[in-house]
Amino acid sequence: MTSRLLHRGAEAVVRQETDTVVKKRIQKPYRHPSLDTHLREERTATEVRILQKLHQIGVPAPTVQEHTKDTVVMDYVPGDLLTHALTQIEELTAYGQQFGRLLAQMHAHDIVHGDTTPHNVLVWEDTLYIIDCGLSYHSQRDEDKAMDLHVLRQAMEAAYPSLCHSFFTAVIDRYKLYYENAARILQRLEQIESRGKHK
């Protein structure tokens, strides 16, 4: 059995174990033990529900095989992170459009990803897979959905300033096409970014 570390973050350690990915939320010694246990269990349960819901609505994401109170075992999805694939300029628009459609599907079902960066999307056989739903949650609020777009734009501007405009334009193009409330969300996005400029 092969085992390799994929990611060690503030909240969890993610390892590949042959054809599965094991994500285990780590204990935080600075938190009260009962609060720490509650938060890890709650966030794990929420992530499992989100991943299962994504499959129900047709959004590609890792399949949950099993889970405990603080650990999720998922299918391993081969491929590369979108952040690496975006170096291929000819694929920029196609990936942006696909990302916009997936985000529209999620928001139409009141799923907010919470960390919409190219680091949290995998590319496999020209299909985008949404990964790392550790900060995801359900919300009907326009503000929360607009923040998904805001986080994406900020991440793109920081990592790919020369590609950001083309990619984000493609995202919005499909987002508006597939989400009937897109105009309202985009208006809220403008308000969020206007607040940032005036700080």
C-alpha atoms as a PDB file:
ATOM      1  CA  MET A   1       0.000   0.000   0.000  1.00  0.00           C
ATOM      2  CA  THR A   2       1.399   3.390  -0.981  1.00  0.00           C
ATOM      3  CA  SER A   3       0.951   6.336   1.337  1.00  0.00           C
ATOM      4  CA  ARG A   4       1.930   9.934   0.706  1.00  0.00           C
ATOM      5  CA  LEU A   5       1.166  13.273   2.253  1.00  0.00           C
ATOM      6  CA  LEU A   6      -0.941  15.454  -0.035  1.00  0.00           C
ATOM      7  CA  HIS A   7      -1.547  18.389   2.260  1.00  0.00           C
ATOM      8  CA  ARG A   8      -0.989  19.458   5.846  1.00  0.00           C
ATOM      9  CA  GLY A   9      -3.110  22.463   6.736  1.00  0.00           C
ATOM     10  CA  ALA A  10      -4.216  24.275   9.848  1.00  0.00           C
ATOM     11  CA  GLU A  11      -7.356  22.138  10.129  1.00  0.00           C
ATOM     12  CA  ALA A  12      -6.493  18.752   8.668  1.00  0.00           C
ATOM     13  CA  VAL A  13      -3.923  16.347   7.308  1.00  0.00           C
ATOM     14  CA  VAL A  14      -4.695  14.814   3.901  1.00  0.00           C
ATOM     15  CA  ARG A  15      -2.965  11.620   2.755  1.00  0.00           C
ATOM     16  CA  GLN A  16      -3.300   9.371  -0.259  1.00  0.00           C
ATOM     17  CA  GLU A  17      -3.589   5.694   0.635  1.00  0.00           C
ATOM     18  CA  THR A  18      -3.388   3.772  -2.671  1.00  0.00           C
ATOM     19  CA  ASP A  19      -6.732   4.571  -4.363  1.00  0.00           C
ATOM     20  CA  THR A  20      -8.254   6.578  -1.525  1.00  0.00           C
ATOM     21  CA  VAL A  21      -7.686   9.934   0.140  1.00  0.00           C
ATOM     22  CA  VAL A  22      -7.892  10.144   3.929  1.00  0.00           C
ATOM     23  CA  LYS A  23      -8.606  13.541   5.460  1.00  0.00           C
ATOM     24  CA  LYS A  24      -8.223  13.697   9.237  1.00  0.00           C
ATOM     25  CA  ARG A  25      -8.992  16.813  11.244  1.00  0.00           C
ATOM     26  CA  ILE A  26      -6.297  17.439  13.788  1.00  0.00           C
ATOM     27  CA  GLN A  27      -6.715  18.314  17.451  1.00  0.00           C
ATOM     28  CA  LYS A  28      -6.006  21.903  18.476  1.00  0.00           C
ATOM     29  CA  PRO A  29      -4.318  22.009  21.912  1.00  0.00           C
ATOM     30  CA  TYR A  30      -5.189  25.689  22.380  1.00  0.00           C
ATOM     31  CA  ARG A  31      -8.924  24.926  22.269  1.00  0.00           C
ATOM     32  CA  HIS A  32     -10.930  23.526  25.150  1.00  0.00           C
ATOM     33  CA  PRO A  33     -11.102  19.730  24.579  1.00  0.00           C
ATOM     34  CA  SER A  34     -14.905  19.575  24.429  1.00  0.00           C
ATOM     35  CA  LEU A  35     -15.092  22.550  22.034  1.00  0.00           C
ATOM     36  CA  ASP A  36     -12.331  21.081  19.894  1.00  0.00           C
ATOM     37  CA  THR A  37     -14.123  17.750  19.633  1.00  0.00           C
ATOM     38  CA  HIS A  38     -17.420  19.449  18.805  1.00  0.00           C
ATOM     39  CA  LEU A  39     -15.905  21.604  16.048  1.00  0.00           C
ATOM     40  CA  ARG A  40     -14.028  18.725  14.422  1.00  0.00           C
ATOM     41  CA  GLU A  41     -17.101  16.485  14.453  1.00  0.00           C
ATOM     42  CA  GLU A  42     -19.397  19.228  13.173  1.00  0.00           C
ATOM     43  CA  ARG A  43     -17.080  20.263  10.340  1.00  0.00           C
ATOM     44  CA  THR A  44     -16.459  16.663   9.316  1.00  0.00           C
ATOM     45  CA  ALA A  45     -20.199  15.900   9.210  1.00  0.00           C
ATOM     46  CA  THR A  46     -20.861  19.063   7.194  1.00  0.00           C
ATOM     47  CA  GLU A  47     -18.134  18.249   4.681  1.00  0.00           C
ATOM     48  CA  VAL A  48     -19.535  14.743   4.185  1.00  0.00           C
ATOM     49  CA  ARG A  49     -23.044  16.120   3.592  1.00  0.00           C
ATOM     50  CA  ILE A  50     -21.732  18.693   1.117  1.00  0.00           C
ATOM     51  CA  LEU A  51     -19.754  16.115  -0.881  1.00  0.00           C
ATOM     52  CA  GLN A  52     -22.760  13.806  -1.024  1.00  0.00           C
ATOM     53  CA  LYS A  53     -24.994  16.673  -2.137  1.00  0.00           C
ATOM     54  CA  LEU A  54     -22.554  17.673  -4.883  1.00  0.00           C
ATOM     55  CA  HIS A  55     -22.896  14.188  -6.363  1.00  0.00           C
ATOM     56  CA  GLN A  56     -26.680  14.428  -6.198  1.00  0.00           C
ATOM     57  CA  ILE A  57     -26.732  17.670  -8.190  1.00  0.00           C
ATOM     58  CA  GLY A  58     -24.177  16.532 -10.767  1.00  0.00           C
ATOM     59  CA  VAL A  59     -21.106  18.449  -9.600  1.00  0.00           C
ATOM     60  CA  PRO A  60     -17.942  16.303  -9.932  1.00  0.00           C
ATOM     61  CA  ALA A  61     -16.316  15.763  -6.514  1.00  0.00           C
ATOM     62  CA  PRO A  62     -14.594  12.938  -4.621  1.00  0.00           C
ATOM     63  CA  THR A  63     -16.940  10.151  -3.526  1.00  0.00           C
ATOM     64  CA  VAL A  64     -17.110   9.547   0.217  1.00  0.00           C
ATOM     65  CA  GLN A  65     -16.418   5.895   1.006  1.00  0.00           C
ATOM     66  CA  GLU A  66     -16.662   6.090   4.780  1.00  0.00           C
ATOM     67  CA  HIS A  67     -16.231   8.536   7.611  1.00  0.00           C
ATOM     68  CA  THR A  68     -15.827   8.772  11.354  1.00  0.00           C
ATOM     69  CA  LYS A  69     -16.265  11.725  13.688  1.00  0.00           C
ATOM     70  CA  ASP A  70     -13.073  13.419  12.519  1.00  0.00           C
ATOM     71  CA  THR A  71     -11.984  11.535   9.386  1.00  0.00           C
ATOM     72  CA  VAL A  72     -13.286  11.268   5.819  1.00  0.00           C
ATOM     73  CA  VAL A  73     -12.164   8.551   3.414  1.00  0.00           C
ATOM     74  CA  MET A  74     -12.770   9.479  -0.224  1.00  0.00           C
ATOM     75  CA  ASP A  75     -11.993   8.112  -3.661  1.00  0.00           C
ATOM     76  CA  TYR A  76      -8.680   9.335  -5.019  1.00  0.00           C
ATOM     77  CA  VAL A  77      -9.169  11.573  -8.043  1.00  0.00           C
ATOM     78  CA  PRO A  78      -6.059  11.608 -10.258  1.00  0.00           C
ATOM     79  CA  GLY A  79      -5.127  14.665 -12.218  1.00  0.00           C
ATOM     80  CA  ASP A  80      -3.619  18.041 -11.482  1.00  0.00           C
ATOM     81  CA  LEU A  81      -4.696  21.103  -9.565  1.00  0.00           C
ATOM     82  CA  LEU A  82      -6.408  23.771 -11.640  1.00  0.00           C
ATOM     83  CA  THR A  83      -3.774  26.209 -10.420  1.00  0.00           C
ATOM     84  CA  HIS A  84      -1.212  24.264 -12.484  1.00  0.00           C
ATOM     85  CA  ALA A  85      -3.441  23.709 -15.509  1.00  0.00           C
ATOM     86  CA  LEU A  86      -4.050  27.435 -15.910  1.00  0.00           C
ATOM     87  CA  THR A  87      -0.546  27.882 -17.272  1.00  0.00           C
ATOM     88  CA  GLN A  88      -1.968  26.571 -20.540  1.00  0.00           C
ATOM     89  CA  ILE A  89      -3.473  29.752 -21.955  1.00  0.00           C
ATOM     90  CA  GLU A  90      -5.501  27.978 -24.647  1.00  0.00           C
ATOM     91  CA  GLU A  91      -7.498  26.149 -21.971  1.00  0.00           C
ATOM     92  CA  LEU A  92      -8.166  29.244 -19.871  1.00  0.00           C
ATOM     93  CA  THR A  93     -11.613  30.055 -21.247  1.00  0.00           C
ATOM     94  CA  ALA A  94     -12.831  26.461 -21.287  1.00  0.00           C
ATOM     95  CA  TYR A  95     -11.856  25.891 -17.650  1.00  0.00           C
ATOM     96  CA  GLY A  96     -13.298  29.244 -16.619  1.00  0.00           C
ATOM     97  CA  GLN A  97     -16.623  28.445 -18.252  1.00  0.00           C
ATOM     98  CA  GLN A  98     -16.738  25.009 -16.650  1.00  0.00           C
ATOM     99  CA  PHE A  99     -15.918  26.458 -13.233  1.00  0.00           C
ATOM    100  CA  GLY A 100     -18.649  29.077 -13.663  1.00  0.00           C
ATOM    101  CA  ARG A 101     -21.221  26.396 -14.484  1.00  0.00           C
ATOM    102  CA  LEU A 102     -20.273  24.274 -11.466  1.00  0.00           C
ATOM    103  CA  LEU A 103     -20.406  27.278  -9.151  1.00  0.00           C
ATOM    104  CA  ALA A 104     -23.810  28.182 -10.568  1.00  0.00           C
ATOM    105  CA  GLN A 105     -25.080  24.652  -9.856  1.00  0.00           C
ATOM    106  CA  MET A 106     -23.795  24.833  -6.289  1.00  0.00           C
ATOM    107  CA  HIS A 107     -25.295  28.248  -5.599  1.00  0.00           C
ATOM    108  CA  ALA A 108     -28.617  27.239  -7.138  1.00  0.00           C
ATOM    109  CA  HIS A 109     -28.755  24.549  -4.432  1.00  0.00           C
ATOM    110  CA  ASP A 110     -27.578  26.993  -1.730  1.00  0.00           C
ATOM    111  CA  ILE A 111     -24.129  25.414  -1.377  1.00  0.00           C
ATOM    112  CA  VAL A 112     -21.323  27.874  -0.648  1.00  0.00           C
ATOM    113  CA  HIS A 113     -17.816  26.488  -1.091  1.00  0.00           C
ATOM    114  CA  GLY A 114     -16.113  28.995   1.168  1.00  0.00           C
ATOM    115  CA  ASP A 115     -12.646  28.728  -0.392  1.00  0.00           C
ATOM    116  CA  THR A 116     -13.029  29.017  -4.151  1.00  0.00           C
ATOM    117  CA  THR A 117      -9.414  29.104  -5.273  1.00  0.00           C
ATOM    118  CA  PRO A 118      -7.772  27.201  -8.157  1.00  0.00           C
ATOM    119  CA  HIS A 119      -5.978  25.159  -5.468  1.00  0.00           C
ATOM    120  CA  ASN A 120      -9.316  23.572  -4.542  1.00  0.00           C
ATOM    121  CA  VAL A 121     -10.213  22.315  -8.008  1.00  0.00           C
ATOM    122  CA  LEU A 122      -8.743  19.259  -9.733  1.00  0.00           C
ATOM    123  CA  VAL A 123      -8.527  18.735 -13.495  1.00  0.00           C
ATOM    124  CA  TRP A 124      -8.883  15.150 -14.676  1.00  0.00           C
ATOM    125  CA  GLU A 125      -9.609  14.236 -18.284  1.00  0.00           C
ATOM    126  CA  ASP A 126     -10.683  17.840 -18.984  1.00  0.00           C
ATOM    127  CA  THR A 127     -13.278  17.692 -16.195  1.00  0.00           C
ATOM    128  CA  LEU A 128     -13.110  19.925 -13.129  1.00  0.00           C
ATOM    129  CA  TYR A 129     -13.607  18.304  -9.713  1.00  0.00           C
ATOM    130  CA  ILE A 130     -14.469  20.379  -6.662  1.00  0.00           C
ATOM    131  CA  ILE A 131     -12.301  19.376  -3.700  1.00  0.00           C
ATOM    132  CA  ASP A 132     -11.607  20.501  -0.121  1.00  0.00           C
ATOM    133  CA  CYS A 133     -15.094  21.313   1.108  1.00  0.00           C
ATOM    134  CA  GLY A 134     -13.865  21.792   4.660  1.00  0.00           C
ATOM    135  CA  LEU A 135     -15.157  25.376   4.750  1.00  0.00           C
ATOM    136  CA  SER A 136     -18.326  24.699   2.762  1.00  0.00           C
ATOM    137  CA  TYR A 137     -21.824  25.248   4.117  1.00  0.00           C
ATOM    138  CA  HIS A 138     -25.443  25.756   3.111  1.00  0.00           C
ATOM    139  CA  SER A 139     -26.693  29.325   2.770  1.00  0.00           C
ATOM    140  CA  GLN A 140     -29.394  31.235   0.941  1.00  0.00           C
ATOM    141  CA  ARG A 141     -27.674  34.595   1.533  1.00  0.00           C
ATOM    142  CA  ASP A 142     -26.594  36.581  -1.521  1.00  0.00           C
ATOM    143  CA  GLU A 143     -23.626  37.893   0.458  1.00  0.00           C
ATOM    144  CA  ASP A 144     -22.233  34.399   1.045  1.00  0.00           C
ATOM    145  CA  LYS A 145     -22.557  33.401  -2.605  1.00  0.00           C
ATOM    146  CA  ALA A 146     -21.021  36.679  -3.746  1.00  0.00           C
ATOM    147  CA  MET A 147     -18.096  36.026  -1.409  1.00  0.00           C
ATOM    148  CA  ASP A 148     -17.376  32.786  -3.288  1.00  0.00           C
ATOM    149  CA  LEU A 149     -16.881  34.881  -6.428  1.00  0.00           C
ATOM    150  CA  HIS A 150     -14.923  37.540  -4.557  1.00  0.00           C
ATOM    151  CA  VAL A 151     -12.513  34.972  -3.087  1.00  0.00           C
ATOM    152  CA  LEU A 152     -12.024  33.467  -6.544  1.00  0.00           C
ATOM    153  CA  ARG A 153     -11.235  36.826  -8.128  1.00  0.00           C
ATOM    154  CA  GLN A 154      -8.807  37.728  -5.338  1.00  0.00           C
ATOM    155  CA  ALA A 155      -7.036  34.365  -5.622  1.00  0.00           C
ATOM    156  CA  MET A 156      -6.712  34.745  -9.393  1.00  0.00           C
ATOM    157  CA  GLU A 157      -5.450  38.326  -9.164  1.00  0.00           C
ATOM    158  CA  ALA A 158      -2.812  37.285  -6.648  1.00  0.00           C
ATOM    159  CA  ALA A 159      -1.594  34.181  -8.474  1.00  0.00           C
ATOM    160  CA  TYR A 160      -2.283  35.016 -12.140  1.00  0.00           C
ATOM    161  CA  PRO A 161      -2.625  38.775 -12.616  1.00  0.00           C
ATOM    162  CA  SER A 162      -2.201  38.522 -16.395  1.00  0.00           C
ATOM    163  CA  LEU A 163      -4.776  35.712 -16.727  1.00  0.00           C
ATOM    164  CA  CYS A 164      -7.326  36.827 -14.154  1.00  0.00           C
ATOM    165  CA  HIS A 165      -9.529  38.985 -16.383  1.00  0.00           C
ATOM    166  CA  SER A 166      -9.962  36.360 -19.117  1.00  0.00           C
ATOM    167  CA  PHE A 167     -10.568  33.529 -16.657  1.00  0.00           C
ATOM    168  CA  PHE A 168     -12.998  35.434 -14.438  1.00  0.00           C
ATOM    169  CA  THR A 169     -14.909  36.741 -17.479  1.00  0.00           C
ATOM    170  CA  ALA A 170     -15.384  33.139 -18.620  1.00  0.00           C
ATOM    171  CA  VAL A 171     -16.540  32.143 -15.120  1.00  0.00           C
ATOM    172  CA  ILE A 172     -19.130  34.910 -14.987  1.00  0.00           C
ATOM    173  CA  ASP A 173     -20.303  34.169 -18.535  1.00  0.00           C
ATOM    174  CA  ARG A 174     -21.405  30.643 -17.568  1.00  0.00           C
ATOM    175  CA  TYR A 175     -22.464  31.612 -14.051  1.00  0.00           C
ATOM    176  CA  LYS A 176     -25.044  34.009 -15.503  1.00  0.00           C
ATOM    177  CA  LEU A 177     -26.189  31.404 -18.006  1.00  0.00           C
ATOM    178  CA  TYR A 178     -26.797  28.639 -15.444  1.00  0.00           C
ATOM    179  CA  TYR A 179     -27.987  30.525 -12.354  1.00  0.00           C
ATOM    180  CA  GLU A 180     -31.222  32.457 -12.524  1.00  0.00           C
ATOM    181  CA  ASN A 181     -30.291  34.654  -9.551  1.00  0.00           C
ATOM    182  CA  ALA A 182     -26.861  35.520 -10.953  1.00  0.00           C
ATOM    183  CA  ALA A 183     -27.661  39.200 -11.559  1.00  0.00           C
ATOM    184  CA  ARG A 184     -28.538  39.671  -7.901  1.00  0.00           C
ATOM    185  CA  ILE A 185     -25.363  37.906  -6.744  1.00  0.00           C
ATOM    186  CA  LEU A 186     -23.179  39.918  -9.115  1.00  0.00           C
ATOM    187  CA  GLN A 187     -24.723  43.131  -7.828  1.00  0.00           C
ATOM    188  CA  ARG A 188     -23.824  42.075  -4.297  1.00  0.00           C
ATOM    189  CA  LEU A 189     -20.297  41.226  -5.522  1.00  0.00           C
ATOM    190  CA  GLU A 190     -19.932  44.811  -6.755  1.00  0.00           C
ATOM    191  CA  GLN A 191     -21.006  46.078  -3.330  1.00  0.00           C
ATOM    192  CA  ILE A 192     -18.481  43.833  -1.567  1.00  0.00           C
ATOM    193  CA  GLU A 193     -15.631  44.962  -3.790  1.00  0.00           C
ATOM    194  CA  SER A 194     -16.700  48.591  -3.499  1.00  0.00           C
ATOM    195  CA  ARG A 195     -16.543  48.323   0.297  1.00  0.00           C
ATOM    196  CA  GLY A 196     -13.018  46.958  -0.004  1.00  0.00           C
ATOM    197  CA  LYS A 197     -11.867  49.845  -2.169  1.00  0.00           C
ATOM    198  CA  HIS A 198     -13.164  52.425   0.300  1.00  0.00           C
ATOM    199  CA  LYS A 199     -11.485  50.961   3.386  1.00  0.00           C
END
